N, C-alpha and C. Protein backbone atom coordinates (compact mmCIF):
# COMPACT_ATOMS: atom_id res chain seq x y z
N UNK A 1 13.37 -83.62 17.41
CA UNK A 1 13.35 -82.55 16.42
C UNK A 1 13.99 -83.06 15.12
N UNK A 2 13.33 -82.80 14.00
CA UNK A 2 13.86 -83.28 12.73
C UNK A 2 14.98 -82.38 12.20
N UNK A 3 15.63 -82.83 11.12
CA UNK A 3 16.79 -82.12 10.57
C UNK A 3 16.44 -80.71 10.08
N UNK A 4 15.26 -80.54 9.50
CA UNK A 4 14.86 -79.21 9.02
C UNK A 4 14.68 -78.26 10.20
N UNK A 5 14.02 -78.72 11.25
CA UNK A 5 13.84 -77.88 12.45
C UNK A 5 15.19 -77.50 13.06
N UNK A 6 16.09 -78.47 13.14
CA UNK A 6 17.42 -78.20 13.70
C UNK A 6 18.15 -77.16 12.86
N UNK A 7 18.04 -77.28 11.54
CA UNK A 7 18.71 -76.32 10.65
C UNK A 7 18.13 -74.92 10.86
N UNK A 8 16.82 -74.81 10.96
CA UNK A 8 16.19 -73.51 11.19
C UNK A 8 16.60 -72.92 12.53
N UNK A 9 16.78 -73.77 13.55
CA UNK A 9 17.21 -73.28 14.86
C UNK A 9 18.65 -72.77 14.82
N UNK A 10 19.49 -73.41 14.02
CA UNK A 10 20.91 -73.06 13.99
C UNK A 10 21.24 -71.92 13.02
N UNK A 11 20.59 -71.89 11.85
CA UNK A 11 20.93 -70.93 10.81
C UNK A 11 19.98 -69.72 10.89
N UNK A 12 20.51 -68.59 11.34
CA UNK A 12 19.71 -67.38 11.53
C UNK A 12 19.53 -66.63 10.20
N UNK A 13 18.29 -66.48 9.79
CA UNK A 13 17.97 -65.78 8.54
C UNK A 13 18.52 -64.35 8.52
N UNK A 14 18.66 -63.76 9.67
CA UNK A 14 19.17 -62.39 9.79
C UNK A 14 20.54 -62.24 9.13
N UNK A 15 21.33 -63.31 9.12
CA UNK A 15 22.66 -63.28 8.51
C UNK A 15 22.64 -63.29 6.99
N UNK A 16 21.43 -63.40 6.39
CA UNK A 16 21.31 -63.56 4.94
C UNK A 16 20.45 -62.49 4.28
N UNK A 17 20.05 -61.48 5.04
CA UNK A 17 19.27 -60.38 4.47
C UNK A 17 20.14 -59.13 4.41
N UNK A 18 19.72 -58.18 3.60
CA UNK A 18 20.43 -56.91 3.54
C UNK A 18 20.35 -56.21 4.90
N UNK A 19 21.37 -55.44 5.25
CA UNK A 19 21.41 -54.76 6.55
C UNK A 19 20.14 -53.99 6.85
N UNK A 20 19.60 -53.32 5.84
CA UNK A 20 18.40 -52.50 6.05
C UNK A 20 17.15 -53.32 6.38
N UNK A 21 17.22 -54.64 6.18
CA UNK A 21 16.06 -55.51 6.47
C UNK A 21 16.30 -56.45 7.65
N UNK A 22 17.42 -56.32 8.33
CA UNK A 22 17.73 -57.25 9.43
C UNK A 22 16.66 -57.26 10.52
N UNK A 23 16.08 -56.12 10.80
CA UNK A 23 15.02 -56.05 11.80
C UNK A 23 13.75 -56.78 11.40
N UNK A 24 13.64 -57.09 10.10
CA UNK A 24 12.45 -57.78 9.58
C UNK A 24 12.73 -59.26 9.30
N UNK A 25 13.93 -59.73 9.60
CA UNK A 25 14.33 -61.10 9.24
C UNK A 25 13.44 -62.16 9.88
N UNK A 26 12.85 -61.86 11.03
CA UNK A 26 12.00 -62.83 11.72
C UNK A 26 10.57 -62.88 11.21
N UNK A 27 10.21 -62.00 10.30
CA UNK A 27 8.86 -61.95 9.75
C UNK A 27 8.70 -63.05 8.70
N UNK A 28 7.56 -63.71 8.69
CA UNK A 28 7.30 -64.77 7.71
C UNK A 28 6.85 -64.15 6.40
N UNK A 29 7.82 -63.56 5.70
CA UNK A 29 7.54 -62.86 4.45
C UNK A 29 8.81 -62.86 3.61
N UNK A 30 8.67 -62.86 2.26
CA UNK A 30 9.86 -62.69 1.44
C UNK A 30 10.41 -61.27 1.64
N UNK A 31 11.72 -61.12 1.52
CA UNK A 31 12.36 -59.81 1.65
C UNK A 31 13.29 -59.59 0.46
N UNK A 32 13.42 -58.34 0.00
CA UNK A 32 14.31 -58.07 -1.13
C UNK A 32 15.78 -58.29 -0.75
N UNK A 33 16.54 -58.83 -1.72
CA UNK A 33 17.99 -58.98 -1.53
C UNK A 33 18.75 -58.25 -2.63
N UNK A 34 18.03 -57.44 -3.40
CA UNK A 34 18.64 -56.69 -4.49
C UNK A 34 18.49 -57.39 -5.82
N UNK A 35 18.70 -56.65 -6.90
CA UNK A 35 18.69 -57.18 -8.26
C UNK A 35 17.34 -57.80 -8.65
N UNK A 36 16.26 -57.31 -8.01
CA UNK A 36 14.92 -57.81 -8.31
C UNK A 36 14.63 -59.18 -7.73
N UNK A 37 15.49 -59.64 -6.81
CA UNK A 37 15.34 -60.98 -6.22
C UNK A 37 14.94 -60.86 -4.75
N UNK A 38 14.48 -61.98 -4.19
CA UNK A 38 14.06 -62.00 -2.79
C UNK A 38 14.65 -63.22 -2.08
N UNK A 39 14.69 -63.11 -0.75
CA UNK A 39 14.90 -64.27 0.11
C UNK A 39 13.50 -64.75 0.44
N UNK A 40 13.22 -66.02 0.22
CA UNK A 40 11.86 -66.54 0.36
C UNK A 40 11.37 -66.50 1.79
N UNK A 41 10.05 -66.57 1.93
CA UNK A 41 9.48 -66.54 3.27
C UNK A 41 9.80 -67.85 4.00
N UNK A 42 10.11 -67.76 5.30
CA UNK A 42 10.54 -68.94 6.05
C UNK A 42 9.58 -70.12 6.00
N UNK A 43 8.28 -69.89 6.12
CA UNK A 43 7.35 -71.03 6.13
C UNK A 43 7.39 -71.79 4.81
N UNK A 44 7.56 -71.08 3.69
CA UNK A 44 7.65 -71.73 2.39
C UNK A 44 8.95 -72.52 2.27
N UNK A 45 10.05 -71.94 2.70
CA UNK A 45 11.34 -72.64 2.65
C UNK A 45 11.29 -73.89 3.52
N UNK A 46 10.71 -73.77 4.70
CA UNK A 46 10.64 -74.92 5.60
C UNK A 46 9.87 -76.08 4.97
N UNK A 47 8.73 -75.79 4.39
CA UNK A 47 7.92 -76.86 3.79
C UNK A 47 8.61 -77.46 2.57
N UNK A 48 9.28 -76.62 1.78
CA UNK A 48 10.02 -77.14 0.61
C UNK A 48 11.16 -78.06 1.06
N UNK A 49 11.85 -77.70 2.13
CA UNK A 49 12.93 -78.54 2.64
C UNK A 49 12.38 -79.85 3.21
N UNK A 50 11.20 -79.80 3.82
CA UNK A 50 10.58 -81.04 4.30
C UNK A 50 10.22 -81.94 3.12
N UNK A 51 9.67 -81.38 2.05
CA UNK A 51 9.34 -82.17 0.86
C UNK A 51 10.61 -82.73 0.20
N UNK A 52 11.67 -81.93 0.21
CA UNK A 52 12.94 -82.37 -0.40
C UNK A 52 13.51 -83.58 0.33
N UNK A 53 13.38 -83.57 1.66
CA UNK A 53 13.79 -84.71 2.49
C UNK A 53 15.26 -85.09 2.29
N UNK A 54 16.14 -84.09 2.29
CA UNK A 54 17.58 -84.35 2.17
C UNK A 54 18.08 -85.09 3.40
N UNK A 55 19.08 -85.93 3.18
CA UNK A 55 19.64 -86.76 4.25
C UNK A 55 21.12 -86.44 4.45
N UNK A 56 21.66 -86.78 5.63
CA UNK A 56 23.09 -86.58 5.86
C UNK A 56 23.92 -87.25 4.77
N UNK A 57 25.00 -86.58 4.39
CA UNK A 57 25.99 -87.04 3.40
C UNK A 57 25.51 -87.00 1.96
N UNK A 58 24.34 -86.41 1.68
CA UNK A 58 23.88 -86.33 0.30
C UNK A 58 24.50 -85.15 -0.44
N UNK A 59 24.43 -85.23 -1.76
CA UNK A 59 24.91 -84.19 -2.67
C UNK A 59 23.67 -83.46 -3.20
N UNK A 60 23.60 -82.14 -2.93
CA UNK A 60 22.41 -81.36 -3.23
C UNK A 60 22.75 -80.17 -4.12
N UNK A 61 21.89 -79.95 -5.10
CA UNK A 61 21.98 -78.77 -5.96
C UNK A 61 20.95 -77.76 -5.49
N UNK A 62 21.39 -76.53 -5.21
CA UNK A 62 20.53 -75.44 -4.77
C UNK A 62 20.46 -74.41 -5.90
N UNK A 63 19.37 -74.43 -6.66
CA UNK A 63 19.21 -73.56 -7.83
C UNK A 63 18.49 -72.28 -7.43
N UNK A 64 19.12 -71.13 -7.73
CA UNK A 64 18.57 -69.84 -7.32
C UNK A 64 18.95 -69.58 -5.87
N UNK A 65 20.23 -69.76 -5.57
CA UNK A 65 20.71 -69.72 -4.19
C UNK A 65 20.66 -68.33 -3.55
N UNK A 66 20.56 -67.28 -4.35
CA UNK A 66 20.35 -65.93 -3.82
C UNK A 66 21.31 -65.54 -2.73
N UNK A 67 20.77 -65.25 -1.54
CA UNK A 67 21.58 -64.78 -0.42
C UNK A 67 22.36 -65.88 0.28
N UNK A 68 22.14 -67.14 -0.12
CA UNK A 68 22.84 -68.26 0.50
C UNK A 68 22.11 -68.89 1.67
N UNK A 69 20.93 -68.39 2.01
CA UNK A 69 20.20 -68.91 3.17
C UNK A 69 19.80 -70.37 2.98
N UNK A 70 19.19 -70.70 1.83
CA UNK A 70 18.80 -72.10 1.62
C UNK A 70 20.05 -72.98 1.52
N UNK A 71 21.12 -72.45 0.97
CA UNK A 71 22.38 -73.19 0.90
C UNK A 71 22.86 -73.55 2.30
N UNK A 72 22.82 -72.57 3.20
CA UNK A 72 23.26 -72.80 4.58
C UNK A 72 22.35 -73.80 5.29
N UNK A 73 21.05 -73.69 5.08
CA UNK A 73 20.11 -74.64 5.68
C UNK A 73 20.38 -76.05 5.17
N UNK A 74 20.56 -76.18 3.87
CA UNK A 74 20.86 -77.49 3.28
C UNK A 74 22.19 -78.03 3.81
N UNK A 75 23.18 -77.16 3.95
CA UNK A 75 24.49 -77.55 4.47
C UNK A 75 24.35 -78.16 5.86
N UNK A 76 23.55 -77.54 6.67
CA UNK A 76 23.31 -78.04 8.02
C UNK A 76 22.60 -79.40 7.98
N UNK A 77 21.64 -79.55 7.08
CA UNK A 77 20.87 -80.79 6.98
C UNK A 77 21.74 -81.96 6.52
N UNK A 78 22.56 -81.76 5.49
CA UNK A 78 23.38 -82.87 4.97
C UNK A 78 24.64 -83.10 5.80
N UNK A 79 25.01 -82.13 6.61
CA UNK A 79 26.16 -82.28 7.50
C UNK A 79 27.49 -82.25 6.78
N UNK A 80 28.58 -82.43 7.53
CA UNK A 80 29.92 -82.31 6.96
C UNK A 80 30.24 -83.35 5.89
N UNK A 81 29.53 -84.47 5.86
CA UNK A 81 29.76 -85.49 4.84
C UNK A 81 29.03 -85.21 3.54
N UNK A 82 28.15 -84.21 3.55
CA UNK A 82 27.39 -83.86 2.35
C UNK A 82 28.02 -82.72 1.59
N UNK A 83 27.48 -82.46 0.40
CA UNK A 83 27.98 -81.36 -0.43
C UNK A 83 26.79 -80.58 -0.98
N UNK A 84 26.93 -79.26 -0.96
CA UNK A 84 25.92 -78.40 -1.56
C UNK A 84 26.56 -77.64 -2.72
N UNK A 85 25.90 -77.68 -3.86
CA UNK A 85 26.33 -76.94 -5.04
C UNK A 85 25.28 -75.85 -5.26
N UNK A 86 25.66 -74.60 -4.98
CA UNK A 86 24.74 -73.47 -5.08
C UNK A 86 24.96 -72.76 -6.40
N UNK A 87 23.88 -72.55 -7.14
CA UNK A 87 23.98 -71.89 -8.44
C UNK A 87 23.01 -70.72 -8.48
N UNK A 88 23.50 -69.61 -9.00
CA UNK A 88 22.74 -68.36 -9.06
C UNK A 88 23.13 -67.65 -10.34
N UNK A 89 22.18 -66.99 -10.99
CA UNK A 89 22.48 -66.35 -12.27
C UNK A 89 23.10 -64.96 -12.13
N UNK A 90 22.88 -64.28 -11.02
CA UNK A 90 23.38 -62.90 -10.83
C UNK A 90 24.71 -62.96 -10.07
N UNK A 91 25.77 -62.55 -10.73
CA UNK A 91 27.12 -62.67 -10.17
C UNK A 91 27.23 -62.02 -8.78
N UNK A 92 26.63 -60.86 -8.60
CA UNK A 92 26.72 -60.17 -7.30
C UNK A 92 26.05 -61.00 -6.20
N UNK A 93 24.98 -61.72 -6.55
CA UNK A 93 24.33 -62.57 -5.56
C UNK A 93 25.11 -63.85 -5.30
N UNK A 94 25.83 -64.34 -6.31
CA UNK A 94 26.73 -65.48 -6.09
C UNK A 94 27.71 -65.11 -4.99
N UNK A 95 28.31 -63.93 -5.10
CA UNK A 95 29.29 -63.48 -4.11
C UNK A 95 28.64 -63.20 -2.76
N UNK A 96 27.44 -62.59 -2.76
CA UNK A 96 26.70 -62.29 -1.53
C UNK A 96 26.41 -63.59 -0.77
N UNK A 97 25.91 -64.59 -1.48
CA UNK A 97 25.60 -65.88 -0.85
C UNK A 97 26.84 -66.56 -0.32
N UNK A 98 27.90 -66.55 -1.11
CA UNK A 98 29.17 -67.16 -0.69
C UNK A 98 29.71 -66.48 0.56
N UNK A 99 29.72 -65.14 0.54
CA UNK A 99 30.21 -64.38 1.70
C UNK A 99 29.38 -64.66 2.95
N UNK A 100 28.05 -64.69 2.79
CA UNK A 100 27.17 -64.95 3.94
C UNK A 100 27.43 -66.32 4.54
N UNK A 101 27.62 -67.32 3.70
CA UNK A 101 27.89 -68.68 4.19
C UNK A 101 29.26 -68.77 4.85
N UNK A 102 30.25 -68.12 4.25
CA UNK A 102 31.59 -68.14 4.85
C UNK A 102 31.61 -67.48 6.22
N UNK A 103 30.84 -66.39 6.38
CA UNK A 103 30.80 -65.66 7.66
C UNK A 103 30.30 -66.53 8.80
N UNK A 104 29.43 -67.50 8.50
CA UNK A 104 28.92 -68.35 9.58
C UNK A 104 29.58 -69.73 9.61
N UNK A 105 30.64 -69.89 8.82
CA UNK A 105 31.45 -71.11 8.90
C UNK A 105 30.98 -72.29 8.06
N UNK A 106 30.17 -72.05 7.03
CA UNK A 106 29.74 -73.13 6.14
C UNK A 106 30.94 -73.58 5.31
N UNK A 107 31.26 -74.87 5.34
CA UNK A 107 32.45 -75.36 4.63
C UNK A 107 32.13 -76.36 3.52
N UNK A 108 30.91 -76.87 3.45
CA UNK A 108 30.60 -77.91 2.46
C UNK A 108 29.74 -77.40 1.31
N UNK A 109 29.82 -76.09 1.04
CA UNK A 109 29.05 -75.50 -0.06
C UNK A 109 30.00 -74.83 -1.06
N UNK A 110 29.68 -75.02 -2.34
CA UNK A 110 30.42 -74.37 -3.42
C UNK A 110 29.44 -73.54 -4.22
N UNK A 111 29.87 -72.36 -4.64
CA UNK A 111 29.00 -71.41 -5.33
C UNK A 111 29.42 -71.23 -6.78
N UNK A 112 28.43 -71.15 -7.67
CA UNK A 112 28.67 -71.03 -9.10
C UNK A 112 27.68 -70.05 -9.72
N UNK A 113 28.14 -69.33 -10.74
CA UNK A 113 27.21 -68.53 -11.54
C UNK A 113 26.66 -69.46 -12.62
N UNK A 114 25.34 -69.37 -12.84
CA UNK A 114 24.72 -70.26 -13.83
C UNK A 114 25.21 -69.91 -15.23
N UNK A 115 25.19 -70.91 -16.07
CA UNK A 115 25.62 -70.75 -17.45
C UNK A 115 24.44 -70.64 -18.38
N UNK A 116 24.49 -71.35 -19.50
CA UNK A 116 23.46 -71.25 -20.53
C UNK A 116 22.27 -72.17 -20.32
N UNK A 117 22.25 -72.90 -19.25
CA UNK A 117 21.14 -73.82 -19.01
C UNK A 117 20.72 -73.78 -17.56
N UNK A 118 19.88 -74.72 -17.18
CA UNK A 118 19.44 -74.83 -15.79
C UNK A 118 20.34 -75.80 -15.04
N UNK A 119 20.61 -75.47 -13.81
CA UNK A 119 21.36 -76.37 -12.96
C UNK A 119 22.86 -76.27 -13.14
N UNK A 120 23.53 -77.37 -12.89
CA UNK A 120 24.98 -77.43 -12.92
C UNK A 120 25.37 -78.85 -13.36
N UNK A 121 25.20 -79.15 -14.66
CA UNK A 121 25.38 -80.52 -15.13
C UNK A 121 26.78 -81.07 -14.94
N UNK A 122 27.79 -80.21 -14.89
CA UNK A 122 29.16 -80.71 -14.76
C UNK A 122 29.43 -81.39 -13.42
N UNK A 123 28.56 -81.18 -12.43
CA UNK A 123 28.75 -81.84 -11.13
C UNK A 123 27.65 -82.87 -10.85
N UNK A 124 26.78 -83.11 -11.81
CA UNK A 124 25.68 -84.07 -11.65
C UNK A 124 26.25 -85.49 -11.64
N UNK A 125 25.51 -86.45 -11.11
CA UNK A 125 24.12 -86.36 -10.64
C UNK A 125 24.04 -85.96 -9.16
N UNK A 126 22.86 -85.49 -8.79
CA UNK A 126 22.57 -85.02 -7.43
C UNK A 126 21.53 -85.92 -6.78
N UNK A 127 21.66 -86.07 -5.46
CA UNK A 127 20.65 -86.82 -4.69
C UNK A 127 19.37 -86.01 -4.55
N UNK A 128 19.53 -84.69 -4.43
CA UNK A 128 18.39 -83.79 -4.24
C UNK A 128 18.66 -82.51 -5.02
N UNK A 129 17.58 -81.91 -5.53
CA UNK A 129 17.68 -80.60 -6.19
C UNK A 129 16.56 -79.73 -5.66
N UNK A 130 16.92 -78.55 -5.14
CA UNK A 130 15.96 -77.56 -4.65
C UNK A 130 16.03 -76.36 -5.58
N UNK A 131 14.87 -75.90 -6.05
CA UNK A 131 14.81 -74.72 -6.91
C UNK A 131 13.99 -73.66 -6.19
N UNK A 132 14.53 -72.43 -6.13
CA UNK A 132 13.87 -71.35 -5.38
C UNK A 132 13.34 -70.24 -6.27
N UNK A 133 13.03 -70.56 -7.52
CA UNK A 133 12.42 -69.60 -8.44
C UNK A 133 11.50 -70.40 -9.36
N UNK A 134 10.49 -69.74 -9.89
CA UNK A 134 9.45 -70.45 -10.65
C UNK A 134 9.72 -70.43 -12.16
N UNK A 135 9.56 -71.59 -12.78
CA UNK A 135 9.63 -71.67 -14.23
C UNK A 135 8.23 -71.87 -14.78
N UNK A 136 8.06 -71.61 -16.06
CA UNK A 136 6.75 -71.77 -16.69
C UNK A 136 6.42 -73.24 -16.90
N UNK A 137 7.47 -74.05 -17.09
CA UNK A 137 7.29 -75.50 -17.23
C UNK A 137 8.45 -76.20 -16.56
N UNK A 138 8.29 -77.47 -16.29
CA UNK A 138 9.33 -78.24 -15.62
C UNK A 138 10.60 -78.27 -16.46
N UNK A 139 11.73 -77.78 -15.92
CA UNK A 139 13.00 -77.84 -16.67
C UNK A 139 13.51 -79.29 -16.75
N UNK A 140 13.40 -79.89 -17.93
CA UNK A 140 13.83 -81.28 -18.13
C UNK A 140 15.31 -81.45 -17.80
N UNK A 141 16.11 -80.41 -18.01
CA UNK A 141 17.55 -80.47 -17.71
C UNK A 141 17.80 -80.83 -16.25
N UNK A 142 16.94 -80.34 -15.37
CA UNK A 142 17.13 -80.63 -13.95
C UNK A 142 16.83 -82.09 -13.64
N UNK A 143 15.81 -82.63 -14.28
CA UNK A 143 15.50 -84.06 -14.09
C UNK A 143 16.67 -84.93 -14.54
N UNK A 144 17.33 -84.53 -15.62
CA UNK A 144 18.48 -85.28 -16.13
C UNK A 144 19.64 -85.25 -15.14
N UNK A 145 19.73 -84.20 -14.32
CA UNK A 145 20.84 -84.06 -13.37
C UNK A 145 20.56 -84.76 -12.03
N UNK A 146 19.36 -85.31 -11.89
CA UNK A 146 18.93 -85.96 -10.65
C UNK A 146 19.23 -87.46 -10.71
N UNK A 147 19.79 -87.99 -9.63
CA UNK A 147 20.04 -89.43 -9.53
C UNK A 147 18.72 -90.19 -9.53
N UNK A 148 18.76 -91.43 -9.95
CA UNK A 148 17.61 -92.31 -9.80
C UNK A 148 17.41 -92.52 -8.30
N UNK A 149 16.17 -92.35 -7.85
CA UNK A 149 15.86 -92.40 -6.43
C UNK A 149 15.93 -91.03 -5.78
N UNK A 150 16.35 -90.01 -6.53
CA UNK A 150 16.48 -88.66 -6.00
C UNK A 150 15.18 -87.88 -6.03
N UNK A 151 15.20 -86.71 -5.38
CA UNK A 151 14.03 -85.84 -5.34
C UNK A 151 14.38 -84.45 -5.85
N UNK A 152 13.41 -83.86 -6.54
CA UNK A 152 13.48 -82.50 -7.06
C UNK A 152 12.26 -81.75 -6.53
N UNK A 153 12.49 -80.60 -5.91
CA UNK A 153 11.39 -79.73 -5.48
C UNK A 153 11.55 -78.43 -6.25
N UNK A 154 10.53 -78.13 -7.09
CA UNK A 154 10.65 -77.02 -8.03
C UNK A 154 9.33 -76.29 -8.20
N UNK A 155 9.33 -74.95 -8.07
CA UNK A 155 8.12 -74.19 -8.39
C UNK A 155 7.92 -74.15 -9.91
N UNK A 156 6.71 -74.46 -10.34
CA UNK A 156 6.33 -74.37 -11.74
C UNK A 156 5.00 -73.64 -11.78
N UNK A 157 4.99 -72.49 -12.46
CA UNK A 157 3.83 -71.59 -12.47
C UNK A 157 3.50 -71.25 -11.01
N UNK A 158 2.28 -71.53 -10.55
CA UNK A 158 1.89 -71.20 -9.17
C UNK A 158 1.83 -72.43 -8.28
N UNK A 159 2.52 -73.49 -8.68
CA UNK A 159 2.56 -74.73 -7.91
C UNK A 159 4.00 -75.04 -7.52
N UNK A 160 4.15 -75.87 -6.51
CA UNK A 160 5.45 -76.46 -6.22
C UNK A 160 5.31 -77.94 -6.52
N UNK A 161 6.20 -78.45 -7.38
CA UNK A 161 6.19 -79.87 -7.72
C UNK A 161 7.22 -80.59 -6.86
N UNK A 162 6.80 -81.70 -6.29
CA UNK A 162 7.67 -82.58 -5.52
C UNK A 162 7.82 -83.84 -6.36
N UNK A 163 8.99 -84.01 -6.94
CA UNK A 163 9.21 -85.06 -7.94
C UNK A 163 10.22 -86.08 -7.42
N UNK A 164 9.84 -87.35 -7.52
CA UNK A 164 10.76 -88.45 -7.20
C UNK A 164 11.07 -89.16 -8.51
N UNK A 165 12.37 -89.34 -8.78
CA UNK A 165 12.81 -89.99 -10.01
C UNK A 165 13.02 -91.48 -9.73
N UNK A 166 12.09 -92.30 -10.21
CA UNK A 166 12.17 -93.75 -9.98
C UNK A 166 13.10 -94.44 -10.98
N UNK A 167 13.14 -93.91 -12.20
CA UNK A 167 14.03 -94.41 -13.25
C UNK A 167 14.14 -93.30 -14.29
N UNK A 168 14.93 -93.52 -15.34
CA UNK A 168 15.06 -92.48 -16.36
C UNK A 168 13.73 -92.22 -17.07
N UNK A 169 12.82 -93.17 -17.03
CA UNK A 169 11.53 -93.03 -17.73
C UNK A 169 10.35 -92.83 -16.79
N UNK A 170 10.55 -93.00 -15.47
CA UNK A 170 9.43 -93.02 -14.53
C UNK A 170 9.67 -92.03 -13.40
N UNK A 171 8.76 -91.05 -13.28
CA UNK A 171 8.82 -90.11 -12.16
C UNK A 171 7.45 -90.05 -11.50
N UNK A 172 7.47 -89.83 -10.19
CA UNK A 172 6.24 -89.57 -9.43
C UNK A 172 6.22 -88.09 -9.11
N UNK A 173 5.07 -87.46 -9.31
CA UNK A 173 4.95 -86.02 -9.06
C UNK A 173 3.78 -85.75 -8.13
N UNK A 174 4.06 -84.99 -7.07
CA UNK A 174 3.02 -84.48 -6.18
C UNK A 174 2.96 -82.98 -6.43
N UNK A 175 1.75 -82.45 -6.69
CA UNK A 175 1.56 -81.02 -6.96
C UNK A 175 1.03 -80.34 -5.70
N UNK A 176 1.74 -79.29 -5.29
CA UNK A 176 1.32 -78.47 -4.15
C UNK A 176 0.96 -77.09 -4.70
N UNK A 177 -0.34 -76.76 -4.81
CA UNK A 177 -0.75 -75.50 -5.44
C UNK A 177 -0.67 -74.30 -4.50
N UNK A 178 -0.66 -73.09 -5.12
CA UNK A 178 -0.85 -71.84 -4.39
C UNK A 178 0.40 -71.14 -3.90
N UNK A 179 1.45 -71.10 -4.70
CA UNK A 179 2.69 -70.44 -4.31
C UNK A 179 3.12 -69.42 -5.37
N UNK A 180 3.83 -68.39 -4.92
CA UNK A 180 4.34 -67.37 -5.85
C UNK A 180 5.84 -67.21 -5.61
N UNK A 181 6.61 -67.24 -6.69
CA UNK A 181 8.07 -67.08 -6.63
C UNK A 181 8.53 -66.10 -7.69
N UNK A 182 9.75 -65.58 -7.52
CA UNK A 182 10.37 -64.81 -8.60
C UNK A 182 10.61 -65.78 -9.75
N UNK A 183 10.70 -65.29 -11.00
CA UNK A 183 10.88 -66.20 -12.13
C UNK A 183 12.27 -66.80 -12.20
N UNK A 184 12.32 -68.07 -12.66
CA UNK A 184 13.58 -68.75 -12.94
C UNK A 184 13.97 -68.38 -14.35
N UNK A 185 15.13 -67.75 -14.49
CA UNK A 185 15.53 -67.24 -15.79
C UNK A 185 16.77 -67.98 -16.26
N UNK A 186 16.76 -68.37 -17.52
CA UNK A 186 17.88 -69.06 -18.13
C UNK A 186 18.65 -68.04 -18.97
N UNK A 187 19.97 -68.04 -18.83
CA UNK A 187 20.80 -67.14 -19.63
C UNK A 187 20.78 -67.57 -21.07
């Protein structure tokens, strides 16, 4: 069993949805988490994590961390030697995600409210960056925060881009069409 499968087996989505939706946590569908945001559908999260290909002991940025579910999954994948930096623009969701992760014993994740740009440049560079909201175009700021050799998985319009940064001037991009996400908003 691969690391993504193990993470899905260990981290129960039910711990990251609103109480009124706990009975629906096993459904392969996005669910509301308040403030106009959703927890993504499990099949989409699973495939994005497979494309991200995070490894043990890596440093990962989780953009649009919402309820903390993807943060917890990433925490499990990178293990105790790794670090997850979760960033969310809505303060109440920053606290919701942090509380949810603390309740299940996640210790290698730090939560931040986003500032005036995308990502969290003060802790860059990152081995991997996962984005869980869609932007109209690729946020160049996130590419700048990615290590050389790192991967960025980001929804852009109705596609998910899987980007490998080979050098500061050279990136490889695989386009996966046909996805819908809440919008990525910059303060």
